[in-house]
């Protein structure tokens, strides 16, 4: 399973209220948006729902640690470009 697929499965497996308003964009989809940051990332995650608080404020540390572990497993870490935008960066 690819890194992107595993992240998509992670969000699909969360309770609806946690993954709500969280989207995973392929690099191609992201480039079409014309955004300033994240254009070299393999995919981009945007979140303005409850996962925003998980990632930015440490709510639900177990969920956050599972999310971060997926990146580490694939040789990446996550970096915020904006508070609502998360990009994977090669370690």
N, C-alpha and C. Protein backbone atom coordinates (compact mmCIF):
# COMPACT_ATOMS: atom_id res chain seq x y z
N UNK A 1 0.85 -1.17 0.00
CA UNK A 1 0.00 0.00 0.00
C UNK A 1 0.90 1.24 0.00
N UNK A 2 0.55 2.22 -0.81
CA UNK A 2 1.35 3.44 -0.88
C UNK A 2 1.07 4.31 0.35
N UNK A 3 1.97 5.25 0.58
CA UNK A 3 1.82 6.20 1.67
C UNK A 3 0.49 6.94 1.56
N UNK A 4 0.20 7.46 0.37
CA UNK A 4 -1.05 8.20 0.17
C UNK A 4 -2.27 7.32 0.44
N UNK A 5 -2.24 6.08 -0.04
CA UNK A 5 -3.37 5.17 0.19
C UNK A 5 -3.55 4.90 1.68
N UNK A 6 -2.44 4.72 2.39
CA UNK A 6 -2.54 4.45 3.82
C UNK A 6 -3.10 5.65 4.57
N UNK A 7 -2.74 6.85 4.16
CA UNK A 7 -3.29 8.06 4.78
C UNK A 7 -4.79 8.17 4.48
N UNK A 8 -5.17 7.90 3.25
CA UNK A 8 -6.61 7.94 2.90
C UNK A 8 -7.39 6.92 3.73
N UNK A 9 -6.83 5.73 3.90
CA UNK A 9 -7.48 4.70 4.72
C UNK A 9 -7.57 5.13 6.18
N UNK A 10 -6.52 5.80 6.67
CA UNK A 10 -6.53 6.31 8.04
C UNK A 10 -7.71 7.25 8.24
N UNK A 11 -7.86 8.22 7.35
CA UNK A 11 -8.97 9.18 7.49
C UNK A 11 -10.32 8.50 7.30
N UNK A 12 -10.40 7.54 6.38
CA UNK A 12 -11.66 6.82 6.16
C UNK A 12 -12.07 6.02 7.40
N UNK A 13 -11.08 5.58 8.17
CA UNK A 13 -11.35 4.77 9.36
C UNK A 13 -11.67 5.58 10.60
N UNK A 14 -11.50 6.89 10.55
CA UNK A 14 -11.82 7.72 11.72
C UNK A 14 -13.31 7.91 11.84
N UNK A 15 -13.75 8.18 13.05
CA UNK A 15 -15.16 8.54 13.23
C UNK A 15 -15.45 9.73 12.33
N UNK A 16 -16.65 9.79 11.82
CA UNK A 16 -17.02 10.87 10.90
C UNK A 16 -16.73 12.25 11.44
N UNK A 17 -16.94 12.45 12.73
CA UNK A 17 -16.74 13.79 13.26
C UNK A 17 -15.26 14.18 13.33
N UNK A 18 -14.35 13.22 13.41
CA UNK A 18 -12.91 13.54 13.46
C UNK A 18 -12.37 13.85 12.06
N UNK A 19 -12.74 13.04 11.08
CA UNK A 19 -12.23 13.22 9.72
C UNK A 19 -13.01 14.23 8.89
N UNK A 20 -14.08 14.76 9.46
CA UNK A 20 -14.92 15.72 8.74
C UNK A 20 -14.11 16.95 8.32
N UNK A 21 -14.34 17.40 7.12
CA UNK A 21 -13.65 18.57 6.56
C UNK A 21 -12.14 18.37 6.43
N UNK A 22 -11.71 17.12 6.27
CA UNK A 22 -10.31 16.81 6.00
C UNK A 22 -10.25 16.18 4.62
N UNK A 23 -9.36 16.68 3.77
CA UNK A 23 -9.27 16.21 2.39
C UNK A 23 -7.82 15.90 2.04
N UNK A 24 -7.64 14.85 1.24
CA UNK A 24 -6.33 14.49 0.74
C UNK A 24 -6.33 14.74 -0.76
N UNK A 25 -5.45 15.63 -1.20
CA UNK A 25 -5.34 15.98 -2.61
C UNK A 25 -4.11 15.31 -3.21
N UNK A 26 -4.26 14.72 -4.39
CA UNK A 26 -3.09 14.23 -5.11
C UNK A 26 -2.26 15.45 -5.53
N UNK A 27 -1.03 15.22 -5.91
CA UNK A 27 -0.19 16.33 -6.35
C UNK A 27 -0.82 17.03 -7.56
N UNK A 28 -1.36 16.24 -8.47
CA UNK A 28 -2.00 16.80 -9.66
C UNK A 28 -3.20 17.69 -9.28
N UNK A 29 -4.04 17.20 -8.37
CA UNK A 29 -5.19 17.98 -7.92
C UNK A 29 -4.73 19.28 -7.25
N UNK A 30 -3.67 19.16 -6.45
CA UNK A 30 -3.18 20.33 -5.73
C UNK A 30 -2.63 21.38 -6.68
N UNK A 31 -1.88 20.94 -7.66
CA UNK A 31 -1.30 21.88 -8.63
C UNK A 31 -2.39 22.65 -9.37
N UNK A 32 -3.50 22.00 -9.65
CA UNK A 32 -4.61 22.66 -10.35
C UNK A 32 -5.22 23.79 -9.52
N UNK A 33 -5.07 23.71 -8.21
CA UNK A 33 -5.61 24.76 -7.34
C UNK A 33 -4.79 26.04 -7.40
N UNK A 34 -3.54 25.94 -7.84
CA UNK A 34 -2.69 27.12 -7.92
C UNK A 34 -2.24 27.68 -6.58
N UNK A 35 -2.11 26.80 -5.61
CA UNK A 35 -1.69 27.23 -4.27
C UNK A 35 -0.20 27.59 -4.25
N UNK A 36 0.20 28.35 -3.26
CA UNK A 36 1.57 28.82 -3.15
C UNK A 36 2.52 27.76 -2.57
N UNK A 37 2.03 26.94 -1.65
CA UNK A 37 2.87 25.96 -0.96
C UNK A 37 2.40 24.53 -1.25
N UNK A 38 3.32 23.60 -1.06
CA UNK A 38 2.99 22.18 -1.17
C UNK A 38 3.04 21.61 -2.57
N UNK A 39 3.51 22.37 -3.52
CA UNK A 39 3.47 21.93 -4.91
C UNK A 39 4.44 20.79 -5.23
N UNK A 40 5.43 20.57 -4.39
CA UNK A 40 6.36 19.47 -4.60
C UNK A 40 6.04 18.25 -3.75
N UNK A 41 5.02 18.35 -2.93
CA UNK A 41 4.65 17.24 -2.05
C UNK A 41 3.97 16.14 -2.85
N UNK A 42 4.12 14.88 -2.42
CA UNK A 42 3.46 13.79 -3.13
C UNK A 42 1.93 13.87 -3.03
N UNK A 43 1.44 14.47 -1.94
CA UNK A 43 0.02 14.74 -1.75
C UNK A 43 -0.07 15.81 -0.66
N UNK A 44 -1.24 16.41 -0.52
CA UNK A 44 -1.45 17.47 0.46
C UNK A 44 -2.73 17.18 1.22
N UNK A 45 -2.70 17.43 2.51
CA UNK A 45 -3.87 17.24 3.36
C UNK A 45 -4.35 18.62 3.81
N UNK A 46 -5.63 18.87 3.67
CA UNK A 46 -6.22 20.09 4.22
C UNK A 46 -7.22 19.67 5.29
N UNK A 47 -7.30 20.46 6.34
CA UNK A 47 -8.24 20.15 7.41
C UNK A 47 -8.69 21.41 8.11
N UNK A 48 -9.99 21.55 8.21
CA UNK A 48 -10.57 22.67 8.95
C UNK A 48 -11.59 22.16 9.96
N UNK A 49 -11.69 20.86 10.08
CA UNK A 49 -12.61 20.25 11.02
C UNK A 49 -11.90 19.79 12.28
N UNK A 50 -12.44 18.79 12.93
CA UNK A 50 -11.86 18.31 14.19
C UNK A 50 -10.41 17.83 14.08
N UNK A 51 -10.01 17.28 12.93
CA UNK A 51 -8.62 16.84 12.82
C UNK A 51 -7.65 18.02 12.90
N UNK A 52 -8.11 19.21 12.55
CA UNK A 52 -7.32 20.43 12.72
C UNK A 52 -6.86 20.53 14.17
N UNK A 53 -7.78 20.30 15.11
CA UNK A 53 -7.44 20.38 16.53
C UNK A 53 -6.55 19.21 16.96
N UNK A 54 -6.75 18.06 16.36
CA UNK A 54 -5.89 16.92 16.66
C UNK A 54 -4.46 17.26 16.27
N UNK A 55 -4.26 17.76 15.07
CA UNK A 55 -2.92 18.03 14.55
C UNK A 55 -2.28 19.29 15.16
N UNK A 56 -3.03 20.35 15.25
CA UNK A 56 -2.47 21.63 15.69
C UNK A 56 -2.48 21.87 17.19
N UNK A 57 -3.37 21.19 17.91
CA UNK A 57 -3.51 21.45 19.34
C UNK A 57 -3.33 20.21 20.20
N UNK A 58 -2.95 19.09 19.58
CA UNK A 58 -2.65 17.89 20.35
C UNK A 58 -3.86 17.19 20.96
N UNK A 59 -5.04 17.53 20.46
CA UNK A 59 -6.24 16.82 20.93
C UNK A 59 -6.15 15.38 20.44
N UNK A 60 -6.65 14.45 21.18
CA UNK A 60 -6.66 13.02 20.80
C UNK A 60 -5.25 12.54 20.43
N UNK A 61 -4.32 12.53 21.39
CA UNK A 61 -2.94 12.15 21.10
C UNK A 61 -2.78 10.76 20.50
N UNK A 62 -3.66 9.84 20.82
CA UNK A 62 -3.55 8.50 20.24
C UNK A 62 -3.77 8.55 18.73
N UNK A 63 -4.75 9.32 18.29
CA UNK A 63 -5.02 9.47 16.86
C UNK A 63 -3.85 10.19 16.18
N UNK A 64 -3.35 11.23 16.82
CA UNK A 64 -2.22 11.97 16.26
C UNK A 64 -1.00 11.05 16.11
N UNK A 65 -0.72 10.26 17.13
CA UNK A 65 0.43 9.35 17.06
C UNK A 65 0.28 8.30 15.97
N UNK A 66 -0.94 7.81 15.76
CA UNK A 66 -1.18 6.86 14.67
C UNK A 66 -0.89 7.53 13.32
N UNK A 67 -1.35 8.75 13.16
CA UNK A 67 -1.14 9.52 11.94
C UNK A 67 0.35 9.73 11.68
N UNK A 68 1.07 10.17 12.70
CA UNK A 68 2.50 10.42 12.57
C UNK A 68 3.28 9.13 12.30
N UNK A 69 2.83 8.03 12.87
CA UNK A 69 3.51 6.74 12.68
C UNK A 69 3.42 6.27 11.23
N UNK A 70 2.33 6.58 10.56
CA UNK A 70 2.20 6.21 9.14
C UNK A 70 3.27 6.94 8.33
N UNK A 71 3.45 8.21 8.60
CA UNK A 71 4.48 8.98 7.88
C UNK A 71 5.86 8.40 8.15
N UNK A 72 6.14 8.13 9.41
CA UNK A 72 7.46 7.60 9.78
C UNK A 72 7.73 6.25 9.10
N UNK A 73 6.72 5.42 9.05
CA UNK A 73 6.83 4.11 8.40
C UNK A 73 7.26 4.24 6.93
N UNK A 74 6.82 5.30 6.28
CA UNK A 74 7.11 5.52 4.86
C UNK A 74 8.30 6.46 4.64
N UNK A 75 9.00 6.82 5.73
CA UNK A 75 10.18 7.68 5.60
C UNK A 75 9.87 9.15 5.44
N UNK A 76 8.75 9.59 6.00
CA UNK A 76 8.33 10.99 5.92
C UNK A 76 8.02 11.53 7.31
N UNK A 77 7.84 12.82 7.38
CA UNK A 77 7.24 13.48 8.53
C UNK A 77 6.28 14.52 7.96
N UNK A 78 5.39 15.03 8.79
CA UNK A 78 4.43 16.02 8.33
C UNK A 78 4.84 17.41 8.79
N UNK A 79 4.59 18.37 7.95
CA UNK A 79 4.93 19.76 8.25
C UNK A 79 3.74 20.63 7.86
N UNK A 80 3.34 21.55 8.73
CA UNK A 80 2.26 22.46 8.35
C UNK A 80 2.79 23.55 7.42
N UNK A 81 2.05 23.84 6.37
CA UNK A 81 2.38 24.97 5.51
C UNK A 81 1.54 26.16 5.97
N UNK A 82 0.33 25.89 6.30
CA UNK A 82 -0.59 26.79 7.00
C UNK A 82 -1.17 25.93 8.12
N UNK A 83 -1.88 26.50 9.04
CA UNK A 83 -2.48 25.69 10.11
C UNK A 83 -3.47 24.67 9.55
N UNK A 84 -4.08 24.98 8.41
CA UNK A 84 -5.10 24.11 7.81
C UNK A 84 -4.55 23.19 6.73
N UNK A 85 -3.25 23.24 6.48
CA UNK A 85 -2.64 22.49 5.38
C UNK A 85 -1.43 21.71 5.89
N UNK A 86 -1.40 20.41 5.63
CA UNK A 86 -0.33 19.55 6.10
C UNK A 86 0.33 18.90 4.89
N UNK A 87 1.67 18.99 4.82
CA UNK A 87 2.37 18.38 3.70
C UNK A 87 3.36 17.33 4.21
N UNK A 88 3.45 16.21 3.51
CA UNK A 88 4.47 15.22 3.87
C UNK A 88 5.82 15.63 3.30
N UNK A 89 6.86 15.49 4.11
CA UNK A 89 8.23 15.83 3.71
C UNK A 89 9.10 14.61 3.93
N UNK A 90 9.93 14.29 2.95
CA UNK A 90 10.81 13.13 3.06
C UNK A 90 11.81 13.36 4.19
N UNK A 91 11.96 12.35 5.04
CA UNK A 91 12.91 12.44 6.17
C UNK A 91 14.34 12.41 5.69
